[in-house]
C-alpha atoms as a PDB file:
ATOM      1  CA  MET A   1      -6.579 127.776 206.252  1.00  0.00           C
ATOM      2  CA  THR A   2      -3.283 126.469 204.889  1.00  0.00           C
ATOM      3  CA  ASN A   3       0.006 128.084 205.851  1.00  0.00           C
ATOM      4  CA  LEU A   4       2.288 128.063 202.827  1.00  0.00           C
ATOM      5  CA  ASN A   5       5.939 128.592 203.616  1.00  0.00           C
ATOM      6  CA  ILE A   6       7.237 130.191 200.459  1.00  0.00           C
ATOM      7  CA  MET A   7      11.010 130.519 200.400  1.00  0.00           C
ATOM      8  CA  GLN A   8      12.339 133.670 198.848  1.00  0.00           C
ATOM      9  CA  LYS A   9      15.878 134.263 197.759  1.00  0.00           C
ATOM     10  CA  GLN A  10      18.014 136.635 199.795  1.00  0.00           C
ATOM     11  CA  ARG A  11      20.268 139.305 198.379  1.00  0.00           C
ATOM     12  CA  LEU A  12      24.021 138.932 198.753  1.00  0.00           C
ATOM     13  CA  SER A  13      26.001 142.175 198.355  1.00  0.00           C
ATOM     14  CA  LEU A  14      29.788 141.975 198.117  1.00  0.00           C
ATOM     15  CA  GLU A  15      32.549 144.532 197.651  1.00  0.00           C
ATOM     16  CA  TYR A  16      35.966 143.598 196.265  1.00  0.00           C
ATOM     17  CA  PRO A  17      38.785 146.183 196.193  1.00  0.00           C
ATOM     18  CA  LEU A  18      40.789 146.169 192.964  1.00  0.00           C
ATOM     19  CA  SER A  19      44.222 147.423 192.049  1.00  0.00           C
ATOM     20  CA  ALA A  20      42.995 148.821 188.731  1.00  0.00           C
ATOM     21  CA  ARG A  21      43.178 152.600 188.431  1.00  0.00           C
ATOM     22  CA  LYS A  22      40.647 153.069 185.608  1.00  0.00           C
ATOM     23  CA  PRO A  23      37.521 151.093 184.814  1.00  0.00           C
ATOM     24  CA  ASP A  24      38.159 150.632 181.050  1.00  0.00           C
ATOM     25  CA  LEU A  25      40.144 147.367 181.148  1.00  0.00           C
ATOM     26  CA  LEU A  26      38.087 145.984 184.005  1.00  0.00           C
ATOM     27  CA  TRP A  27      34.936 146.694 182.013  1.00  0.00           C
ATOM     28  CA  GLN A  28      36.206 144.464 179.187  1.00  0.00           C
ATOM     29  CA  LEU A  29      36.621 141.597 181.670  1.00  0.00           C
ATOM     30  CA  LEU A  30      33.072 142.049 183.000  1.00  0.00           C
ATOM     31  CA  SER A  31      31.098 142.758 179.862  1.00  0.00           C
ATOM     32  CA  THR A  32      32.509 140.703 176.994  1.00  0.00           C
ATOM     33  CA  ASP A  33      32.430 136.990 176.359  1.00  0.00           C
ATOM     34  CA  HIS A  34      36.203 136.933 175.872  1.00  0.00           C
ATOM     35  CA  GLY A  35      36.771 138.826 179.132  1.00  0.00           C
ATOM     36  CA  LEU A  36      34.415 136.616 181.142  1.00  0.00           C
ATOM     37  CA  GLU A  37      36.177 133.501 179.823  1.00  0.00           C
ATOM     38  CA  ARG A  38      39.350 134.680 181.549  1.00  0.00           C
ATOM     39  CA  TRP A  39      37.853 134.363 185.019  1.00  0.00           C
ATOM     40  CA  LEU A  40      34.143 133.511 185.318  1.00  0.00           C
ATOM     41  CA  ALA A  41      33.521 130.446 183.134  1.00  0.00           C
ATOM     42  CA  ASP A  42      35.487 128.139 180.879  1.00  0.00           C
ATOM     43  CA  ARG A  43      33.539 129.177 177.792  1.00  0.00           C
ATOM     44  CA  VAL A  44      31.254 132.179 177.282  1.00  0.00           C
ATOM     45  CA  VAL A  45      29.316 132.950 174.121  1.00  0.00           C
ATOM     46  CA  GLU A  46      27.024 135.949 173.714  1.00  0.00           C
ATOM     47  CA  ASP A  47      24.145 135.551 171.306  1.00  0.00           C
ATOM     48  CA  ASN A  48      21.460 138.249 170.925  1.00  0.00           C
ATOM     49  CA  GLY A  49      21.675 139.487 174.514  1.00  0.00           C
ATOM     50  CA  VAL A  50      22.007 136.025 176.055  1.00  0.00           C
ATOM     51  CA  LEU A  51      25.225 134.771 177.639  1.00  0.00           C
ATOM     52  CA  ASN A  52      25.834 131.027 177.429  1.00  0.00           C
ATOM     53  CA  LEU A  53      28.253 130.187 180.257  1.00  0.00           C
ATOM     54  CA  THR A  54      29.901 126.764 180.278  1.00  0.00           C
ATOM     55  CA  TRP A  55      32.000 125.234 183.031  1.00  0.00           C
ATOM     56  CA  GLY A  56      34.062 122.137 182.266  1.00  0.00           C
ATOM     57  CA  ASN A  57      35.027 120.748 178.879  1.00  0.00           C
ATOM     58  CA  PRO A  58      32.571 122.047 176.246  1.00  0.00           C
ATOM     59  CA  TYR A  59      33.181 118.871 174.206  1.00  0.00           C
ATOM     60  CA  GLY A  60      33.055 116.515 177.198  1.00  0.00           C
ATOM     61  CA  GLU A  61      31.585 116.695 180.679  1.00  0.00           C
ATOM     62  CA  HIS A  62      30.268 120.216 181.270  1.00  0.00           C
ATOM     63  CA  HIS A  63      27.510 122.368 182.724  1.00  0.00           C
ATOM     64  CA  THR A  64      25.974 125.267 180.795  1.00  0.00           C
ATOM     65  CA  LEU A  65      23.685 128.013 182.062  1.00  0.00           C
ATOM     66  CA  LYS A  66      22.107 130.870 180.123  1.00  0.00           C
ATOM     67  CA  ALA A  67      21.684 134.410 181.397  1.00  0.00           C
ATOM     68  CA  ASN A  68      19.820 137.278 179.784  1.00  0.00           C
ATOM     69  CA  ILE A  69      21.644 140.595 179.771  1.00  0.00           C
ATOM     70  CA  VAL A  70      19.074 142.830 181.445  1.00  0.00           C
ATOM     71  CA  GLU A  71      21.154 146.002 181.503  1.00  0.00           C
ATOM     72  CA  ARG A  72      24.672 146.952 180.426  1.00  0.00           C
ATOM     73  CA  GLN A  73      26.118 150.425 180.915  1.00  0.00           C
ATOM     74  CA  LYS A  74      29.695 150.913 179.738  1.00  0.00           C
ATOM     75  CA  ASN A  75      32.310 151.259 182.505  1.00  0.00           C
ATOM     76  CA  SER A  76      29.539 151.029 185.108  1.00  0.00           C
ATOM     77  CA  HIS A  77      27.636 147.744 185.436  1.00  0.00           C
ATOM     78  CA  ILE A  78      26.169 144.674 183.850  1.00  0.00           C
ATOM     79  CA  ARG A  79      23.002 143.076 185.216  1.00  0.00           C
ATOM     80  CA  LEU A  80      22.017 139.545 184.259  1.00  0.00           C
ATOM     81  CA  ARG A  81      19.155 137.221 184.989  1.00  0.00           C
ATOM     82  CA  TRP A  82      19.287 133.453 184.642  1.00  0.00           C
ATOM     83  CA  VAL A  83      16.950 132.302 181.860  1.00  0.00           C
ATOM     84  CA  ASP A  84      15.330 129.748 184.179  1.00  0.00           C
ATOM     85  CA  GLU A  85      15.072 132.101 187.196  1.00  0.00           C
ATOM     86  CA  GLU A  86      11.677 131.758 188.821  1.00  0.00           C
ATOM     87  CA  GLU A  87      11.809 134.742 191.210  1.00  0.00           C
ATOM     88  CA  ASP A  88      10.895 138.046 189.617  1.00  0.00           C
ATOM     89  CA  ASP A  89      13.309 140.136 191.694  1.00  0.00           C
ATOM     90  CA  ALA A  90      16.368 137.857 191.475  1.00  0.00           C
ATOM     91  CA  PHE A  91      19.305 138.858 189.251  1.00  0.00           C
ATOM     92  CA  TRP A  92      23.071 139.108 189.436  1.00  0.00           C
ATOM     93  CA  GLU A  93      25.008 142.256 188.835  1.00  0.00           C
ATOM     94  CA  MET A  94      28.640 143.324 188.649  1.00  0.00           C
ATOM     95  CA  ARG A  95      29.169 147.053 189.185  1.00  0.00           C
ATOM     96  CA  ILE A  96      32.360 149.108 189.006  1.00  0.00           C
ATOM     97  CA  GLY A  97      32.534 151.819 191.635  1.00  0.00           C
ATOM     98  CA  ARG A  98      34.656 153.492 194.262  1.00  0.00           C
ATOM     99  CA  SER A  99      34.883 152.573 197.915  1.00  0.00           C
ATOM    100  CA  GLU A 100      33.261 155.161 200.157  1.00  0.00           C
ATOM    101  CA  LEU A 101      36.068 154.694 202.699  1.00  0.00           C
ATOM    102  CA  THR A 102      39.216 154.497 200.569  1.00  0.00           C
ATOM    103  CA  ASP A 103      38.106 155.871 197.172  1.00  0.00           C
ATOM    104  CA  GLU A 104      39.814 152.889 195.495  1.00  0.00           C
ATOM    105  CA  LEU A 105      38.218 151.166 192.534  1.00  0.00           C
ATOM    106  CA  CYS A 106      36.017 148.229 193.601  1.00  0.00           C
ATOM    107  CA  LEU A 107      33.855 145.584 192.059  1.00  0.00           C
ATOM    108  CA  PHE A 108      30.449 145.444 193.708  1.00  0.00           C
ATOM    109  CA  VAL A 109      28.584 142.177 193.210  1.00  0.00           C
ATOM    110  CA  GLU A 110      24.929 141.648 193.927  1.00  0.00           C
ATOM    111  CA  ASP A 111      23.454 138.167 193.644  1.00  0.00           C
ATOM    112  CA  TYR A 112      20.562 136.158 195.067  1.00  0.00           C
ATOM    113  CA  ALA A 113      20.278 132.724 196.685  1.00  0.00           C
ATOM    114  CA  TYR A 114      18.158 130.861 199.187  1.00  0.00           C
ATOM    115  CA  ALA A 115      19.284 131.293 202.804  1.00  0.00           C
ATOM    116  CA  GLU A 116      20.905 127.850 202.984  1.00  0.00           C
ATOM    117  CA  ASP A 117      22.954 128.626 199.829  1.00  0.00           C
ATOM    118  CA  ILE A 118      24.201 132.137 200.716  1.00  0.00           C
ATOM    119  CA  ASP A 119      27.532 130.965 202.193  1.00  0.00           C
ATOM    120  CA  ASP A 120      28.227 128.794 199.133  1.00  0.00           C
ATOM    121  CA  LEU A 121      27.392 131.683 196.817  1.00  0.00           C
ATOM    122  CA  HIS A 122      29.746 133.958 198.774  1.00  0.00           C
ATOM    123  CA  GLU A 123      32.537 131.365 198.423  1.00  0.00           C
ATOM    124  CA  LEU A 124      31.790 131.040 194.705  1.00  0.00           C
ATOM    125  CA  TRP A 125      32.200 134.804 194.190  1.00  0.00           C
ATOM    126  CA  ASP A 126      35.385 134.824 196.319  1.00  0.00           C
ATOM    127  CA  GLY A 127      36.788 132.130 194.011  1.00  0.00           C
ATOM    128  CA  ASN A 128      35.693 134.040 190.922  1.00  0.00           C
ATOM    129  CA  LEU A 129      37.455 137.172 192.165  1.00  0.00           C
ATOM    130  CA  ASP A 130      40.611 135.182 192.964  1.00  0.00           C
ATOM    131  CA  ARG A 131      40.640 134.052 189.308  1.00  0.00           C
ATOM    132  CA  LEU A 132      40.027 137.642 188.160  1.00  0.00           C
ATOM    133  CA  HIS A 133      43.018 138.809 190.216  1.00  0.00           C
ATOM    134  CA  GLN A 134      45.207 135.973 188.894  1.00  0.00           C
ATOM    135  CA  SER A 135      44.258 136.505 185.255  1.00  0.00           C
ATOM    136  CA  SER A 136      44.405 140.299 185.213  1.00  0.00           C
ATOM    137  CA  GLY A 137      46.460 141.514 188.131  1.00  0.00           C
ATOM    138  CA  PHE A 138      43.521 143.633 189.326  1.00  0.00           C
END
């Protein structure tokens, strides 16, 4: 009998407090290609429910990934899944909500990575949120 060690991705759940009072403007930054270009990627184009995210110079050295929009509910959340994702349960989601402790507006992020990549993914989201704060003041 062969013992197959199948690695599964682990869920990473993060909560980022925001200075925004209402979700409307924040929602535009999370759910539109123009908004995402301000903080998540250098170029974002939405085409028929697929986001094309490009980092670097689109006309020079760059890296592009595609994500299907699985679910989008206005002023609530957007859930995406990488086009080349192999794990059925893996996705990434940005959700607007309120902190249970302080009642302030927060961005809740859920993402998946292999165990050895979780710390890097956490740092990536911390950097993304730093850019969101710098570009929007949230």
